[in-house]
Amino acid sequence: MIDIPAGLIAQHERYGGEEGRAFVAALPGRAERFLDGWGLRPDGPSMYGRCALVVPVLRTGDGARAVLKLQDVDEETVGEPVALRAWDGDGAVRLLDSDDETGTLLLERLDAGRSLADLPDSREAILVVARLLARLTAAEAPAGLRHLGDIAKGLLERAAVALPRHPDPAERRLLTDCAAALREVASEPGDRLLHWDLHFENVLASDRAPWLAIDPKPLVGDPGFELFPALWNRFDAEEVRPRFDALTDILGLDRARSRAWTLGRVLQNAVWTIEDARRPGAAQLEIARRLLS
């Protein structure tokens, strides 16, 4: 039997309702199916992320250390094995096996106790992210993934409805400027393989490489769309410009286009919060102010 952390159960009950409870109820049987089918045995307490159960395992054939990731299939997770196969361990965790029907993944085991969030020097952490992104976005995007152009188009349509509902005139003007910047680049969305969610906690240490990316939410698009998490993590207003310059330098990106895509990320997060009748985050809005000044 596997242990299912109480925190994961609470998350699925809170956000998933009946579907979340059904997912949790099915986890023991699903885990047993793949432990038996892939020749695995549990090797330590289970972990969890936003929605997935992660079980440390050993392969019974060769004793290799791995993790079994159990999750639902949705528009974000369906592309994860596709991207991991394309990267083949270059800058990202290596995929060992997968089941497309259930979204279950067998991954090499990294050091879950050491993420980039723990690195004392935030400037060094930014350089790590930049170097990883340079490797990840160098990969040719495989077929079947979501496209940034479609996401940008949908976001601009949602923003046109959401922004007039925001009660703060100054913030509304700032977000309108973000939408205008995004509109300038939306027709040329790019063609590289993107991770989308490379925040500090999605970069783990390993024996194979100093740092590797995990948990992609892949899509095809412009690498400038990747920069926002590194500006937001361990936020420091005075570091926004230096971080942005370092990221664009190392990735060799056009700064004007990268600024527009980053402002698009601010807009995206703001639209989500406005649609939920909440205020956009102060740090995210400050990123936009700094990039527009």
Protein backbone atom coordinates (compact mmCIF):
# COMPACT_ATOMS: atom_id res chain seq x y z
CA MET A 1 0.00 0.00 0.00
CA ILE A 2 1.06 3.58 -0.62
CA ASP A 3 0.47 6.51 1.71
CA ILE A 4 -1.55 9.44 0.41
CA PRO A 5 -0.55 12.71 2.13
CA ALA A 6 -3.39 14.53 3.87
CA GLY A 7 -2.38 17.75 2.10
CA LEU A 8 -2.99 16.21 -1.33
CA ILE A 9 -6.38 14.89 -0.23
CA ALA A 10 -7.34 18.34 1.08
CA GLN A 11 -6.26 20.04 -2.16
CA HIS A 12 -8.34 17.73 -4.34
CA GLU A 13 -11.37 18.01 -2.07
CA ARG A 14 -11.12 21.80 -1.98
CA TYR A 15 -10.49 22.48 -5.65
CA GLY A 16 -11.70 19.34 -7.41
CA GLY A 17 -14.97 18.62 -5.62
CA GLU A 18 -16.45 15.27 -6.57
CA GLU A 19 -13.88 14.72 -9.33
CA GLY A 20 -11.08 15.41 -6.86
CA ARG A 21 -12.46 12.93 -4.36
CA ALA A 22 -12.80 10.34 -7.12
CA PHE A 23 -9.17 10.88 -8.13
CA VAL A 24 -7.95 10.35 -4.57
CA ALA A 25 -10.14 7.28 -4.13
CA ALA A 26 -8.67 5.73 -7.28
CA LEU A 27 -5.04 6.38 -6.32
CA PRO A 28 -4.34 3.14 -4.37
CA GLY A 29 -5.61 0.98 -7.22
CA ARG A 30 -3.81 3.01 -9.87
CA ALA A 31 -0.56 2.89 -7.90
CA GLU A 32 -0.83 -0.88 -7.47
CA ARG A 33 -1.46 -1.29 -11.20
CA PHE A 34 1.73 0.53 -12.18
CA LEU A 35 3.88 -0.78 -9.34
CA ASP A 36 3.08 -4.30 -10.55
CA GLY A 37 3.05 -3.54 -14.27
CA TRP A 38 6.33 -1.65 -14.33
CA GLY A 39 8.14 -3.83 -11.79
CA LEU A 40 8.46 -1.26 -9.00
CA ARG A 41 8.40 -1.22 -5.23
CA PRO A 42 7.87 1.79 -2.94
CA ASP A 43 11.01 3.28 -1.44
CA GLY A 44 10.03 5.92 1.07
CA PRO A 45 7.16 8.26 1.96
CA SER A 46 5.03 9.71 -0.80
CA MET A 47 5.27 13.36 -1.85
CA TYR A 48 2.89 15.61 -3.69
CA GLY A 49 2.75 18.78 -5.74
CA ARG A 50 -0.18 20.92 -6.77
CA CYS A 51 -2.20 17.96 -8.01
CA ALA A 52 0.02 14.87 -8.40
CA LEU A 53 1.06 12.09 -6.05
CA VAL A 54 4.77 11.24 -6.34
CA VAL A 55 5.91 7.89 -4.97
CA PRO A 56 9.67 7.14 -4.60
CA VAL A 57 10.29 3.68 -6.03
CA LEU A 58 12.97 1.16 -6.90
CA ARG A 59 12.88 -0.85 -10.11
CA THR A 60 12.97 -4.49 -9.11
CA GLY A 61 14.94 -5.49 -12.18
CA ASP A 62 18.01 -3.28 -11.75
CA GLY A 63 17.40 -1.52 -8.43
CA ALA A 64 17.38 1.90 -10.11
CA ARG A 65 15.90 4.74 -8.06
CA ALA A 66 12.93 6.47 -9.67
CA VAL A 67 9.63 8.16 -8.86
CA LEU A 68 6.13 7.20 -9.92
CA LYS A 69 4.02 10.28 -10.69
CA LEU A 70 0.26 9.77 -10.56
CA GLN A 71 -1.91 12.56 -11.95
CA ASP A 72 -5.02 13.26 -13.98
CA VAL A 73 -4.85 13.97 -17.70
CA ASP A 74 -5.78 17.55 -18.57
CA GLU A 75 -4.66 20.22 -21.04
CA GLU A 76 -1.54 20.90 -18.96
CA THR A 77 -0.42 17.37 -18.13
CA VAL A 78 -1.15 15.74 -21.49
CA GLY A 79 1.93 17.31 -23.05
CA GLU A 80 4.34 16.53 -20.21
CA PRO A 81 5.63 13.17 -21.53
CA VAL A 82 5.81 14.60 -25.05
CA ALA A 83 8.14 17.39 -23.93
CA LEU A 84 10.22 15.15 -21.66
CA ARG A 85 10.83 12.73 -24.53
CA ALA A 86 11.93 15.62 -26.75
CA TRP A 87 14.39 16.89 -24.12
CA ASP A 88 15.60 13.36 -23.33
CA GLY A 89 17.20 14.46 -20.07
CA ASP A 90 18.98 17.51 -21.50
CA GLY A 91 18.15 20.14 -18.89
CA ALA A 92 15.11 18.26 -17.59
CA VAL A 93 14.26 15.18 -15.57
CA ARG A 94 14.49 12.02 -17.68
CA LEU A 95 11.29 10.15 -18.56
CA LEU A 96 11.64 6.39 -18.05
CA ASP A 97 8.11 5.25 -18.93
CA SER A 98 4.62 6.68 -19.33
CA ASP A 99 0.98 5.76 -19.78
CA ASP A 100 -0.92 8.19 -21.97
CA GLU A 101 -4.38 7.03 -20.89
CA THR A 102 -3.90 7.89 -17.21
CA GLY A 103 -1.06 10.43 -17.40
CA THR A 104 1.10 8.25 -15.15
CA LEU A 105 4.85 8.83 -15.47
CA LEU A 106 7.94 6.98 -14.32
CA LEU A 107 10.76 9.51 -13.87
CA GLU A 108 14.36 9.44 -12.77
CA ARG A 109 14.66 10.40 -9.11
CA LEU A 110 16.11 13.81 -8.35
CA ASP A 111 16.86 15.37 -4.96
CA ALA A 112 13.42 16.59 -3.84
CA GLY A 113 15.02 18.12 -0.75
CA ARG A 114 17.13 20.61 -2.76
CA SER A 115 15.34 23.01 -5.07
CA LEU A 116 16.60 26.22 -6.62
CA ALA A 117 14.48 28.08 -4.06
CA ASP A 118 17.06 27.03 -1.46
CA LEU A 119 20.04 28.55 -3.27
CA PRO A 120 21.19 31.46 -1.05
CA ASP A 121 22.21 33.75 -3.91
CA SER A 122 19.11 34.74 -5.90
CA ARG A 123 21.27 36.15 -8.71
CA GLU A 124 22.97 32.80 -9.14
CA ALA A 125 19.52 31.17 -9.17
CA ILE A 126 18.51 33.43 -12.06
CA LEU A 127 21.58 32.37 -14.02
CA VAL A 128 20.71 28.71 -13.42
CA VAL A 129 17.20 29.30 -14.78
CA ALA A 130 18.58 31.17 -17.79
CA ARG A 131 21.02 28.39 -18.67
CA LEU A 132 18.33 25.75 -18.31
CA LEU A 133 15.94 27.73 -20.49
CA ALA A 134 18.62 28.13 -23.13
CA ARG A 135 18.91 24.34 -23.33
CA LEU A 136 15.20 23.59 -23.11
CA THR A 137 14.09 26.11 -25.71
CA ALA A 138 16.77 24.91 -28.12
CA ALA A 139 14.76 21.72 -28.65
CA GLU A 140 12.53 21.44 -31.69
CA ALA A 141 8.91 21.44 -30.60
CA PRO A 142 7.17 18.12 -31.30
CA ALA A 143 3.71 17.92 -32.81
CA GLY A 144 0.58 17.79 -30.70
CA LEU A 145 1.32 20.50 -28.13
CA ARG A 146 -0.63 23.65 -27.38
CA HIS A 147 0.45 26.82 -29.20
CA LEU A 148 1.19 30.16 -27.60
CA GLY A 149 -0.62 31.96 -30.41
CA ASP A 150 -3.91 30.32 -29.44
CA ILE A 151 -3.34 31.08 -25.77
CA ALA A 152 -2.51 34.72 -26.51
CA LYS A 153 -5.60 35.15 -28.66
CA GLY A 154 -7.85 33.67 -25.98
CA LEU A 155 -6.19 35.76 -23.28
CA LEU A 156 -6.78 39.01 -25.16
CA GLU A 157 -10.43 38.09 -25.60
CA ARG A 158 -10.82 37.32 -21.89
CA ALA A 159 -8.93 40.48 -20.92
CA ALA A 160 -11.37 42.60 -22.94
CA VAL A 161 -14.14 41.30 -20.70
CA ALA A 162 -12.26 41.17 -17.38
CA LEU A 163 -10.36 44.47 -17.30
CA PRO A 164 -13.40 46.79 -17.35
CA ARG A 165 -14.59 44.97 -14.21
CA HIS A 166 -11.42 45.81 -12.27
CA PRO A 167 -12.24 48.64 -9.84
CA ASP A 168 -8.79 50.28 -9.58
CA PRO A 169 -8.33 52.82 -12.42
CA ALA A 170 -4.51 52.95 -12.19
CA GLU A 171 -4.14 49.19 -12.20
CA ARG A 172 -6.67 48.92 -15.01
CA ARG A 173 -4.60 51.34 -17.12
CA LEU A 174 -1.44 49.37 -16.36
CA LEU A 175 -3.07 46.10 -17.40
CA THR A 176 -4.46 47.75 -20.53
CA ASP A 177 -0.87 48.66 -21.43
CA CYS A 178 0.11 45.01 -20.87
CA ALA A 179 -2.66 43.94 -23.25
CA ALA A 180 -1.48 46.43 -25.85
CA ALA A 181 2.07 45.08 -25.63
CA LEU A 182 0.86 41.50 -25.98
CA ARG A 183 -1.26 42.44 -28.99
CA GLU A 184 1.89 43.69 -30.73
CA VAL A 185 3.56 40.25 -30.67
CA ALA A 186 0.58 37.86 -30.62
CA SER A 187 0.60 37.37 -34.38
CA GLU A 188 4.20 36.02 -34.26
CA PRO A 189 4.05 33.58 -31.33
CA GLY A 190 7.22 31.59 -32.03
CA ASP A 191 7.95 27.91 -32.60
CA ARG A 192 10.21 26.67 -29.77
CA LEU A 193 9.44 24.07 -27.12
CA LEU A 194 8.57 25.91 -23.89
CA HIS A 195 8.37 24.70 -20.30
CA TRP A 196 5.98 27.52 -19.26
CA ASP A 197 6.32 26.96 -15.48
CA LEU A 198 10.05 27.12 -14.67
CA HIS A 199 9.85 28.66 -11.21
CA PHE A 200 12.53 27.98 -8.61
CA GLU A 201 10.73 25.04 -6.98
CA ASN A 202 10.50 23.32 -10.36
CA VAL A 203 14.29 23.09 -10.54
CA LEU A 204 15.81 20.27 -8.48
CA ALA A 205 19.36 19.15 -7.81
CA SER A 206 20.49 15.75 -9.02
CA ASP A 207 23.53 13.48 -9.20
CA ARG A 208 23.48 13.51 -13.01
CA ALA A 209 23.56 17.30 -13.37
CA PRO A 210 23.71 20.18 -10.90
CA TRP A 211 20.13 21.27 -11.66
CA LEU A 212 17.28 19.86 -13.75
CA ALA A 213 13.78 21.11 -14.60
CA ILE A 214 10.64 19.21 -13.59
CA ASP A 215 6.87 19.55 -14.11
CA PRO A 216 6.66 21.24 -17.51
CA LYS A 217 3.34 22.58 -18.79
CA PRO A 218 4.63 22.54 -22.36
CA LEU A 219 3.58 24.55 -25.34
CA VAL A 220 5.05 25.83 -28.58
CA GLY A 221 6.04 29.48 -28.69
CA ASP A 222 8.48 32.33 -28.10
CA PRO A 223 11.11 31.82 -25.34
CA GLY A 224 10.34 35.34 -24.12
CA PHE A 225 7.18 33.86 -22.61
CA GLU A 226 9.37 31.85 -20.21
CA LEU A 227 10.95 34.71 -18.24
CA PHE A 228 8.19 35.78 -15.87
CA PRO A 229 8.60 33.16 -13.08
CA ALA A 230 12.27 34.11 -12.62
CA LEU A 231 11.28 37.76 -12.13
CA TRP A 232 8.52 36.89 -9.68
CA ASN A 233 10.28 34.25 -7.53
CA ARG A 234 11.91 35.76 -4.42
CA PHE A 235 10.62 39.08 -5.70
CA ASP A 236 12.82 42.15 -5.39
CA ALA A 237 11.66 45.25 -7.25
CA GLU A 238 15.21 46.50 -7.70
CA GLU A 239 16.18 43.18 -9.30
CA VAL A 240 13.49 43.14 -12.01
CA ARG A 241 15.55 44.93 -14.65
CA PRO A 242 18.90 43.22 -13.86
CA ARG A 243 17.22 39.81 -13.90
CA PHE A 244 15.41 40.56 -17.15
CA ASP A 245 18.64 41.74 -18.77
CA ALA A 246 20.54 38.65 -17.59
CA LEU A 247 17.85 36.28 -18.86
CA THR A 248 17.58 37.90 -22.27
CA ASP A 249 21.37 38.10 -22.63
CA ILE A 250 21.98 34.44 -21.87
CA LEU A 251 19.09 33.27 -24.05
CA GLY A 252 20.01 35.69 -26.83
CA LEU A 253 16.48 37.13 -26.97
CA ASP A 254 15.12 40.34 -28.41
CA ARG A 255 14.35 42.48 -25.36
CA ALA A 256 11.36 44.30 -26.81
CA ARG A 257 9.61 41.07 -27.75
CA SER A 258 10.56 39.42 -24.46
CA ARG A 259 9.21 42.40 -22.55
CA ALA A 260 5.91 42.11 -24.43
CA TRP A 261 5.57 38.41 -23.69
CA THR A 262 6.44 38.99 -20.03
CA LEU A 263 3.79 41.69 -19.81
CA GLY A 264 1.45 39.12 -21.34
CA ARG A 265 2.22 36.79 -18.43
CA VAL A 266 1.37 39.59 -15.97
CA LEU A 267 -1.89 40.12 -17.85
CA GLN A 268 -2.66 36.41 -17.80
CA ASN A 269 -2.27 36.15 -14.04
CA ALA A 270 -4.25 39.35 -13.50
CA VAL A 271 -7.13 38.12 -15.65
CA TRP A 272 -7.28 34.89 -13.66
CA THR A 273 -7.51 36.81 -10.39
CA ILE A 274 -10.06 39.34 -11.67
CA GLU A 275 -12.24 36.52 -12.98
CA ASP A 276 -12.12 35.07 -9.44
CA ALA A 277 -13.14 38.46 -7.98
CA ARG A 278 -9.69 38.99 -6.44
CA ARG A 279 -7.05 41.73 -6.78
CA PRO A 280 -3.97 41.13 -8.97
CA GLY A 281 -0.77 40.56 -7.01
CA ALA A 282 1.23 43.64 -6.11
CA ALA A 283 4.56 42.06 -7.08
CA GLN A 284 3.28 41.09 -10.52
CA LEU A 285 1.98 44.60 -11.16
CA GLU A 286 5.31 46.05 -10.06
CA ILE A 287 7.09 43.83 -12.61
CA ALA A 288 4.92 45.40 -15.30
CA ARG A 289 5.64 48.93 -14.04
CA ARG A 290 9.37 48.30 -14.03
CA LEU A 291 9.37 46.86 -17.55
CA LEU A 292 7.20 49.65 -18.92
CA SER A 293 9.19 52.48 -17.33
